[in-house]
């Protein structure tokens, strides 16, 4: 799933950002996959997932959606996608999915060495490995790197540069907190791979605040 591969940032930042995707395979095991997908979502949810969704229904960050609603409406063709900030949690998910032996396709995206060593510890070998080759062409037309770090956490490009910049300005002027800004952006990413925890830190930094700064946020404005 290449839309999860093009996230940008420092090694330190990306070490807290891992996507897990689970789905059935067309022409192989789609029919009757819903109960297995429900079990997979149950496993993904129990390990402190940051964000999760079903491509057919949207993520838990979309207005009016939550885990229970997504779980209740999973179909055979559901595509489950979630993101974690902790590699140990990814390991636990991979281990339990292996033990459950659901016969579903599982994709894990993140820093290559970290993901590779993690799945080896679980006793798994990948069927396929895909690697992002960066962006070629008129890269001078791209938004600034700090904006791209946030935008690329939505692999379908549903979060615009203007919205990110407006959110940063609202945080800089204390109209909202980095956490509120992160949730605001996450509403636009329907598939569930937008890491709100990582985003809050990136927004705080982009707005000029240090990690331990505690500015006064006017939470009812903006």
Protein backbone atom coordinates (compact mmCIF):
# COMPACT_ATOMS: atom_id res chain seq x y z
CA UNK A 1 0.00 0.00 0.00
CA UNK A 2 2.13 2.83 -1.29
CA UNK A 3 -0.03 5.65 0.08
CA UNK A 4 1.40 4.96 3.55
CA UNK A 5 5.04 5.17 2.42
CA UNK A 6 5.67 8.81 1.66
CA UNK A 7 5.72 10.26 5.16
CA UNK A 8 8.51 12.73 5.79
CA UNK A 9 10.51 13.88 8.75
CA UNK A 10 13.54 13.17 10.87
CA UNK A 11 14.42 9.66 11.98
CA UNK A 12 13.51 10.65 15.55
CA UNK A 13 10.07 11.88 14.49
CA UNK A 14 9.34 8.92 12.21
CA UNK A 15 10.40 6.47 14.93
CA UNK A 16 7.05 7.30 16.56
CA UNK A 17 4.91 6.70 13.48
CA UNK A 18 3.85 3.24 12.22
CA UNK A 19 0.91 2.30 10.01
CA UNK A 20 -0.83 -1.09 10.07
CA UNK A 21 -3.22 -2.08 7.28
CA UNK A 22 -5.38 -5.22 7.15
CA UNK A 23 -7.58 -6.35 4.27
CA UNK A 24 -8.85 -9.35 2.35
CA UNK A 25 -7.52 -10.17 -1.12
CA UNK A 26 -9.68 -9.78 -4.22
CA UNK A 27 -10.23 -13.08 -6.01
CA UNK A 28 -8.92 -15.06 -3.04
CA UNK A 29 -10.69 -14.57 0.30
CA UNK A 30 -13.05 -11.59 0.08
CA UNK A 31 -16.27 -13.57 0.51
CA UNK A 32 -16.93 -14.14 4.18
CA UNK A 33 -14.04 -11.93 5.32
CA UNK A 34 -16.12 -9.61 7.54
CA UNK A 35 -15.91 -11.69 10.78
CA UNK A 36 -12.14 -12.02 10.35
CA UNK A 37 -11.78 -8.30 9.72
CA UNK A 38 -13.84 -7.58 12.84
CA UNK A 39 -11.43 -9.73 14.84
CA UNK A 40 -8.46 -7.93 13.28
CA UNK A 41 -9.90 -4.55 14.23
CA UNK A 42 -10.49 -5.79 17.77
CA UNK A 43 -6.80 -6.75 17.99
CA UNK A 44 -5.63 -3.44 16.53
CA UNK A 45 -7.81 -1.45 18.92
CA UNK A 46 -6.72 -3.13 22.15
CA UNK A 47 -3.09 -1.99 21.90
CA UNK A 48 -3.51 1.76 22.25
CA UNK A 49 -3.93 2.74 18.62
CA UNK A 50 -3.68 6.49 17.91
CA UNK A 51 -6.07 6.56 14.97
CA UNK A 52 -7.92 3.88 13.02
CA UNK A 53 -10.49 3.61 10.29
CA UNK A 54 -12.10 1.59 7.54
CA UNK A 55 -11.62 2.90 4.02
CA UNK A 56 -15.32 2.24 3.40
CA UNK A 57 -16.55 4.10 6.51
CA UNK A 58 -13.95 6.67 7.50
CA UNK A 59 -11.80 7.00 10.61
CA UNK A 60 -12.63 7.52 14.29
CA UNK A 61 -11.52 11.13 13.80
CA UNK A 62 -14.28 11.81 11.26
CA UNK A 63 -17.34 13.58 12.67
CA UNK A 64 -19.96 11.17 13.98
CA UNK A 65 -17.71 8.11 13.78
CA UNK A 66 -16.28 5.95 16.54
CA UNK A 67 -14.80 2.49 17.07
CA UNK A 68 -18.13 0.83 17.88
CA UNK A 69 -19.80 2.16 14.76
CA UNK A 70 -16.93 1.10 12.50
CA UNK A 71 -16.75 -2.34 14.12
CA UNK A 72 -20.49 -2.92 13.70
CA UNK A 73 -20.49 -2.03 9.99
CA UNK A 74 -17.42 -3.86 8.69
CA UNK A 75 -18.07 -5.66 5.41
CA UNK A 76 -16.13 -8.28 3.47
CA UNK A 77 -14.45 -5.51 1.47
CA UNK A 78 -13.39 -3.37 4.42
CA UNK A 79 -9.85 -2.00 4.43
CA UNK A 80 -8.69 -1.44 8.01
CA UNK A 81 -5.96 1.13 8.59
CA UNK A 82 -4.48 2.43 11.80
CA UNK A 83 -1.43 4.18 13.17
CA UNK A 84 0.67 3.72 16.31
CA UNK A 85 3.30 5.87 17.99
CA UNK A 86 5.01 2.99 19.78
CA UNK A 87 6.92 0.19 18.03
CA UNK A 88 6.33 -2.20 20.93
CA UNK A 89 2.59 -1.87 20.34
CA UNK A 90 3.11 -2.68 16.66
CA UNK A 91 5.04 -5.78 17.70
CA UNK A 92 2.19 -6.86 20.01
CA UNK A 93 -0.36 -6.35 17.22
CA UNK A 94 1.75 -8.31 14.73
CA UNK A 95 2.21 -11.13 17.24
CA UNK A 96 -1.50 -11.42 17.99
CA UNK A 97 -2.47 -11.21 14.31
CA UNK A 98 0.01 -14.00 13.60
CA UNK A 99 -1.41 -16.12 16.41
CA UNK A 100 -4.99 -15.48 15.23
CA UNK A 101 -4.05 -16.77 11.75
CA UNK A 102 -6.94 -14.97 10.07
CA UNK A 103 -5.60 -15.42 6.55
CA UNK A 104 -5.77 -11.69 5.83
CA UNK A 105 -3.19 -9.44 4.18
CA UNK A 106 -1.29 -7.30 6.70
CA UNK A 107 0.95 -4.37 5.76
CA UNK A 108 3.18 -2.53 8.24
CA UNK A 109 4.77 0.78 7.20
CA UNK A 110 7.46 2.73 9.01
CA UNK A 111 11.23 3.14 9.27
CA UNK A 112 12.55 0.13 7.38
CA UNK A 113 15.06 -1.20 9.92
CA UNK A 114 12.62 -0.81 12.81
CA UNK A 115 9.80 -2.62 11.01
CA UNK A 116 12.10 -5.33 9.67
CA UNK A 117 13.61 -6.19 13.05
CA UNK A 118 10.18 -6.10 14.70
CA UNK A 119 8.53 -8.59 12.38
CA UNK A 120 11.58 -10.86 12.61
CA UNK A 121 11.15 -10.95 16.40
CA UNK A 122 7.56 -12.07 15.85
CA UNK A 123 8.73 -14.81 13.49
CA UNK A 124 7.40 -13.31 10.26
CA UNK A 125 8.96 -12.70 6.86
CA UNK A 126 7.40 -10.19 4.45
CA UNK A 127 5.81 -11.33 1.22
CA UNK A 128 6.63 -7.99 -0.42
CA UNK A 129 8.73 -4.96 0.50
CA UNK A 130 8.02 -1.50 -0.96
CA UNK A 131 10.31 1.47 -0.39
CA UNK A 132 9.62 5.16 -1.01
CA UNK A 133 12.08 6.70 -3.48
CA UNK A 134 11.38 10.31 -2.46
CA UNK A 135 9.90 12.91 -4.83
CA UNK A 136 11.40 13.68 -8.22
CA UNK A 137 10.83 16.63 -10.53
CA UNK A 138 9.98 20.23 -9.59
CA UNK A 139 10.45 19.80 -5.87
CA UNK A 140 10.83 23.57 -5.58
CA UNK A 141 7.06 23.78 -6.06
CA UNK A 142 6.36 21.66 -2.97
CA UNK A 143 5.33 23.22 0.36
CA UNK A 144 8.08 23.78 2.97
CA UNK A 145 9.44 20.60 4.60
CA UNK A 146 7.74 21.23 7.97
CA UNK A 147 4.37 21.54 6.20
CA UNK A 148 5.05 18.42 4.15
CA UNK A 149 5.76 16.41 7.31
CA UNK A 150 2.17 17.01 8.35
CA UNK A 151 0.51 16.79 4.93
CA UNK A 152 2.10 13.44 4.04
CA UNK A 153 0.59 11.73 7.09
CA UNK A 154 -2.59 11.66 4.99
CA UNK A 155 -1.59 9.39 2.13
CA UNK A 156 -4.49 10.46 -0.09
CA UNK A 157 -3.55 14.16 0.06
CA UNK A 158 -6.80 15.21 1.75
CA UNK A 159 -5.05 17.72 4.02
CA UNK A 160 -4.18 20.94 2.20
CA UNK A 161 -1.22 23.23 2.68
CA UNK A 162 -3.53 26.16 3.39
CA UNK A 163 -5.33 24.30 6.17
CA UNK A 164 -2.04 23.28 7.80
CA UNK A 165 -0.71 26.83 7.64
CA UNK A 166 -3.95 28.25 9.02
CA UNK A 167 -3.84 25.76 11.88
CA UNK A 168 -0.25 26.68 12.71
CA UNK A 169 -1.20 30.36 12.77
CA UNK A 170 -4.11 29.68 15.11
CA UNK A 171 -1.76 27.83 17.45
CA UNK A 172 0.88 30.57 17.21
CA UNK A 173 -1.72 33.18 18.18
CA UNK A 174 -3.08 30.95 20.98
CA UNK A 175 -6.50 30.40 19.44
CA UNK A 176 -6.17 26.64 19.79
CA UNK A 177 -3.78 24.10 21.28
CA UNK A 178 -1.53 21.83 19.19
CA UNK A 179 -3.75 18.91 20.20
CA UNK A 180 -6.88 20.73 19.00
CA UNK A 181 -5.11 21.64 15.78
CA UNK A 182 -4.11 18.04 15.24
CA UNK A 183 -7.69 16.84 15.68
CA UNK A 184 -8.87 19.54 13.27
CA UNK A 185 -6.55 18.24 10.55
CA UNK A 186 -7.36 14.60 11.28
CA UNK A 187 -11.02 15.15 10.35
CA UNK A 188 -9.90 15.40 6.70
CA UNK A 189 -8.04 12.08 6.60
CA UNK A 190 -10.78 9.48 6.23
CA UNK A 191 -8.69 6.30 6.16
CA UNK A 192 -7.24 6.53 9.69
CA UNK A 193 -3.47 6.75 9.13
CA UNK A 194 -3.08 10.36 10.30
CA UNK A 195 -1.01 10.29 13.49
CA UNK A 196 -2.53 12.95 15.75
CA UNK A 197 0.07 12.44 18.48
CA UNK A 198 2.97 13.05 16.13
CA UNK A 199 1.11 15.89 14.45
CA UNK A 200 0.56 17.75 17.74
CA UNK A 201 4.31 17.83 18.30
CA UNK A 202 4.98 19.00 14.75
CA UNK A 203 2.38 21.75 15.05
CA UNK A 204 3.81 22.91 18.37
CA UNK A 205 7.27 23.13 16.84
CA UNK A 206 6.04 24.86 13.67
CA UNK A 207 4.21 27.46 15.77
CA UNK A 208 7.42 28.29 17.62
CA UNK A 209 6.68 26.66 20.98
CA UNK A 210 9.06 24.37 22.83
CA UNK A 211 7.81 21.00 24.12
CA UNK A 212 7.56 22.26 27.70
CA UNK A 213 5.91 25.61 26.87
CA UNK A 214 2.41 26.03 28.29
CA UNK A 215 0.86 29.01 26.49
CA UNK A 216 -2.64 30.21 27.31
CA UNK A 217 -5.00 28.90 24.61
CA UNK A 218 -8.23 30.71 23.87
CA UNK A 219 -10.01 27.44 23.15
CA UNK A 220 -13.37 28.99 22.20
CA UNK A 221 -11.92 31.06 19.37
CA UNK A 222 -11.03 29.97 15.84
